[in-house]
PDB file of N, CA and C in Angstrom:
ATOM      1  N   MET A   1       5.275  -5.299  -5.770  1.00  0.00           N
ATOM      2  CA  MET A   1       5.443  -4.416  -4.641  1.00  0.00           C
ATOM      3  C   MET A   1       6.649  -4.898  -3.858  1.00  0.00           C
ATOM      4  N   TYR A   2       7.478  -3.999  -3.482  1.00  0.00           N
ATOM      5  CA  TYR A   2       8.639  -4.298  -2.657  1.00  0.00           C
ATOM      6  C   TYR A   2       8.494  -3.492  -1.381  1.00  0.00           C
ATOM      7  N   ILE A   3       8.620  -4.154  -0.247  1.00  0.00           N
ATOM      8  CA  ILE A   3       8.525  -3.474   1.042  1.00  0.00           C
ATOM      9  C   ILE A   3       9.888  -3.516   1.702  1.00  0.00           C
ATOM     10  N   SER A   4      10.414  -2.363   2.056  1.00  0.00           N
ATOM     11  CA  SER A   4      11.663  -2.315   2.811  1.00  0.00           C
ATOM     12  C   SER A   4      11.372  -1.738   4.184  1.00  0.00           C
ATOM     13  N   ILE A   5      11.936  -2.361   5.193  1.00  0.00           N
ATOM     14  CA  ILE A   5      11.698  -1.925   6.563  1.00  0.00           C
ATOM     15  C   ILE A   5      13.025  -1.507   7.177  1.00  0.00           C
ATOM     16  N   ASP A   6      13.072  -0.272   7.647  1.00  0.00           N
ATOM     17  CA  ASP A   6      14.266   0.276   8.277  1.00  0.00           C
ATOM     18  C   ASP A   6      13.849   0.856   9.614  1.00  0.00           C
ATOM     19  N   GLY A   7      14.000   0.082  10.671  1.00  0.00           N
ATOM     20  CA  GLY A   7      13.515   0.537  11.973  1.00  0.00           C
ATOM     21  C   GLY A   7      12.005   0.581  11.946  1.00  0.00           C
ATOM     22  N   ASP A   8      11.435   1.757  12.170  1.00  0.00           N
ATOM     23  CA  ASP A   8       9.985   1.925  12.139  1.00  0.00           C
ATOM     24  C   ASP A   8       9.490   2.416  10.781  1.00  0.00           C
ATOM     25  N   ALA A   9      10.406   2.770   9.888  1.00  0.00           N
ATOM     26  CA  ALA A   9      10.005   3.288   8.583  1.00  0.00           C
ATOM     27  C   ALA A   9       9.774   2.133   7.610  1.00  0.00           C
ATOM     28  N   VAL A  10       8.705   2.236   6.854  1.00  0.00           N
ATOM     29  CA  VAL A  10       8.381   1.238   5.842  1.00  0.00           C
ATOM     30  C   VAL A  10       8.273   1.956   4.508  1.00  0.00           C
ATOM     31  N   GLY A  11       8.947   1.422   3.491  1.00  0.00           N
ATOM     32  CA  GLY A  11       8.887   2.022   2.169  1.00  0.00           C
ATOM     33  C   GLY A  11       8.316   1.045   1.156  1.00  0.00           C
ATOM     34  N   PHE A  12       7.665   1.537   0.141  1.00  0.00           N
ATOM     35  CA  PHE A  12       7.034   0.720  -0.880  1.00  0.00           C
ATOM     36  C   PHE A  12       7.567   1.096  -2.243  1.00  0.00           C
ATOM     37  N   ASP A  13       7.755   0.103  -3.068  1.00  0.00           N
ATOM     38  CA  ASP A  13       8.147   0.309  -4.461  1.00  0.00           C
ATOM     39  C   ASP A  13       7.150  -0.472  -5.306  1.00  0.00           C
ATOM     40  N   TRP A  14       6.141   0.216  -5.828  1.00  0.00           N
ATOM     41  CA  TRP A  14       5.058  -0.433  -6.554  1.00  0.00           C
ATOM     42  C   TRP A  14       5.446  -0.689  -8.002  1.00  0.00           C
ATOM     43  N   ASP A  15       5.268  -1.931  -8.463  1.00  0.00           N
ATOM     44  CA  ASP A  15       5.457  -2.203  -9.883  1.00  0.00           C
ATOM     45  C   ASP A  15       4.082  -2.261 -10.550  1.00  0.00           C
ATOM     46  N   GLN A  16       4.068  -2.279 -11.857  1.00  0.00           N
ATOM     47  CA  GLN A  16       2.816  -2.210 -12.610  1.00  0.00           C
ATOM     48  C   GLN A  16       1.912  -3.401 -12.311  1.00  0.00           C
ATOM     49  N   ALA A  17       2.474  -4.593 -12.210  1.00  0.00           N
ATOM     50  CA  ALA A  17       1.659  -5.791 -11.967  1.00  0.00           C
ATOM     51  C   ALA A  17       0.927  -5.705 -10.630  1.00  0.00           C
ATOM     52  N   ASN A  18       1.609  -5.268  -9.585  1.00  0.00           N
ATOM     53  CA  ASN A  18       0.962  -5.172  -8.278  1.00  0.00           C
ATOM     54  C   ASN A  18      -0.034  -4.023  -8.214  1.00  0.00           C
ATOM     55  N   THR A  19       0.267  -2.930  -8.882  1.00  0.00           N
ATOM     56  CA  THR A  19      -0.675  -1.812  -8.937  1.00  0.00           C
ATOM     57  C   THR A  19      -1.961  -2.247  -9.621  1.00  0.00           C
ATOM     58  N   GLU A  20      -1.823  -2.984 -10.732  1.00  0.00           N
ATOM     59  CA  GLU A  20      -3.000  -3.492 -11.442  1.00  0.00           C
ATOM     60  C   GLU A  20      -3.753  -4.511 -10.593  1.00  0.00           C
ATOM     61  N   HIS A  21      -3.025  -5.349  -9.854  1.00  0.00           N
ATOM     62  CA  HIS A  21      -3.675  -6.360  -9.019  1.00  0.00           C
ATOM     63  C   HIS A  21      -4.532  -5.712  -7.935  1.00  0.00           C
ATOM     64  N   ILE A  22      -3.980  -4.748  -7.213  1.00  0.00           N
ATOM     65  CA  ILE A  22      -4.786  -4.136  -6.158  1.00  0.00           C
ATOM     66  C   ILE A  22      -5.923  -3.298  -6.742  1.00  0.00           C
ATOM     67  N   ALA A  23      -5.731  -2.765  -7.950  1.00  0.00           N
ATOM     68  CA  ALA A  23      -6.803  -2.020  -8.609  1.00  0.00           C
ATOM     69  C   ALA A  23      -7.987  -2.940  -8.901  1.00  0.00           C
ATOM     70  N   SER A  24      -7.711  -4.221  -9.158  1.00  0.00           N
ATOM     71  CA  SER A  24      -8.801  -5.171  -9.401  1.00  0.00           C
ATOM     72  C   SER A  24      -9.648  -5.370  -8.149  1.00  0.00           C
ATOM     73  N   HIS A  25      -9.115  -5.000  -6.996  1.00  0.00           N
ATOM     74  CA  HIS A  25      -9.841  -5.051  -5.729  1.00  0.00           C
ATOM     75  C   HIS A  25     -10.373  -3.670  -5.349  1.00  0.00           C
ATOM     76  N   ARG A  26     -10.298  -2.744  -6.300  1.00  0.00           N
ATOM     77  CA  ARG A  26     -10.746  -1.362  -6.126  1.00  0.00           C
ATOM     78  C   ARG A  26      -9.999  -0.675  -4.982  1.00  0.00           C
ATOM     79  N   ALA A  27      -8.689  -0.936  -4.907  1.00  0.00           N
ATOM     80  CA  ALA A  27      -7.835  -0.298  -3.912  1.00  0.00           C
ATOM     81  C   ALA A  27      -6.711   0.446  -4.625  1.00  0.00           C
ATOM     82  N   THR A  28      -6.164   1.428  -3.958  1.00  0.00           N
ATOM     83  CA  THR A  28      -5.047   2.193  -4.497  1.00  0.00           C
ATOM     84  C   THR A  28      -3.791   1.881  -3.686  1.00  0.00           C
ATOM     85  N   PRO A  29      -2.614   2.145  -4.246  1.00  0.00           N
ATOM     86  CA  PRO A  29      -1.395   1.957  -3.458  1.00  0.00           C
ATOM     87  C   PRO A  29      -1.424   2.747  -2.144  1.00  0.00           C
ATOM     88  N   GLU A  30      -1.986   3.951  -2.178  1.00  0.00           N
ATOM     89  CA  GLU A  30      -2.050   4.768  -0.974  1.00  0.00           C
ATOM     90  C   GLU A  30      -2.887   4.097   0.105  1.00  0.00           C
ATOM     91  N   GLU A  31      -3.998   3.466  -0.297  1.00  0.00           N
ATOM     92  CA  GLU A  31      -4.851   2.787   0.672  1.00  0.00           C
ATOM     93  C   GLU A  31      -4.143   1.585   1.289  1.00  0.00           C
ATOM     94  N   VAL A  32      -3.411   0.840   0.473  1.00  0.00           N
ATOM     95  CA  VAL A  32      -2.664  -0.311   0.978  1.00  0.00           C
ATOM     96  C   VAL A  32      -1.584   0.157   1.952  1.00  0.00           C
ATOM     97  N   GLU A  33      -0.902   1.238   1.612  1.00  0.00           N
ATOM     98  CA  GLU A  33       0.137   1.770   2.493  1.00  0.00           C
ATOM     99  C   GLU A  33      -0.452   2.227   3.824  1.00  0.00           C
ATOM    100  N   GLN A  34      -1.678   2.767   3.810  1.00  0.00           N
ATOM    101  CA  GLN A  34      -2.330   3.175   5.055  1.00  0.00           C
ATOM    102  C   GLN A  34      -2.545   1.971   5.963  1.00  0.00           C
ATOM    103  N   VAL A  35      -2.894   0.829   5.384  1.00  0.00           N
ATOM    104  CA  VAL A  35      -3.102  -0.377   6.178  1.00  0.00           C
ATOM    105  C   VAL A  35      -1.807  -0.782   6.867  1.00  0.00           C
ATOM    106  N   PHE A  36      -0.707  -0.789   6.114  1.00  0.00           N
ATOM    107  CA  PHE A  36       0.579  -1.162   6.697  1.00  0.00           C
ATOM    108  C   PHE A  36       1.039  -0.152   7.746  1.00  0.00           C
ATOM    109  N   ALA A  37       0.689   1.114   7.553  1.00  0.00           N
ATOM    110  CA  ALA A  37       1.083   2.156   8.500  1.00  0.00           C
ATOM    111  C   ALA A  37       0.138   2.209   9.700  1.00  0.00           C
ATOM    112  N   ASN A  38      -0.944   1.414   9.626  1.00  0.00           N
ATOM    113  CA  ASN A  38      -1.945   1.377  10.677  1.00  0.00           C
ATOM    114  C   ASN A  38      -2.629   2.721  10.851  1.00  0.00           C
ATOM    115  N   ASP A  39      -2.752   3.473   9.752  1.00  0.00           N
ATOM    116  CA  ASP A  39      -3.469   4.736   9.784  1.00  0.00           C
ATOM    117  C   ASP A  39      -4.977   4.472   9.619  1.00  0.00           C
ATOM    118  N   GLU A  40      -5.776   5.300  10.242  1.00  0.00           N
ATOM    119  CA  GLU A  40      -7.215   5.163  10.064  1.00  0.00           C
ATOM    120  C   GLU A  40      -7.591   5.508   8.642  1.00  0.00           C
ATOM    121  N   VAL A  41      -8.549   4.764   8.100  1.00  0.00           N
ATOM    122  CA  VAL A  41      -9.024   4.992   6.746  1.00  0.00           C
ATOM    123  C   VAL A  41     -10.506   5.298   6.826  1.00  0.00           C
ATOM    124  N   GLY A  42     -10.905   6.452   6.283  1.00  0.00           N
ATOM    125  CA  GLY A  42     -12.307   6.801   6.258  1.00  0.00           C
ATOM    126  C   GLY A  42     -13.038   6.038   5.170  1.00  0.00           C
ATOM    127  N   ILE A  43     -14.233   5.585   5.466  1.00  0.00           N
ATOM    128  CA  ILE A  43     -15.029   4.840   4.486  1.00  0.00           C
ATOM    129  C   ILE A  43     -16.169   5.721   4.057  1.00  0.00           C
ATOM    130  N   ASP A  44     -16.279   5.922   2.760  1.00  0.00           N
ATOM    131  CA  ASP A  44     -17.350   6.759   2.207  1.00  0.00           C
ATOM    132  C   ASP A  44     -18.547   5.923   1.823  1.00  0.00           C
TER     133      ASP A  44
END
């Protein structure tokens, strides 16, 4: 995963190894990005 920060904007570049790693924690790239963006995440 590569994180670039430009002012308030944050961008992600997911590689296969990091995608597989977070999947082992039952998380998706979108969920991880929500955490960094400080967006609320609904729990089912």
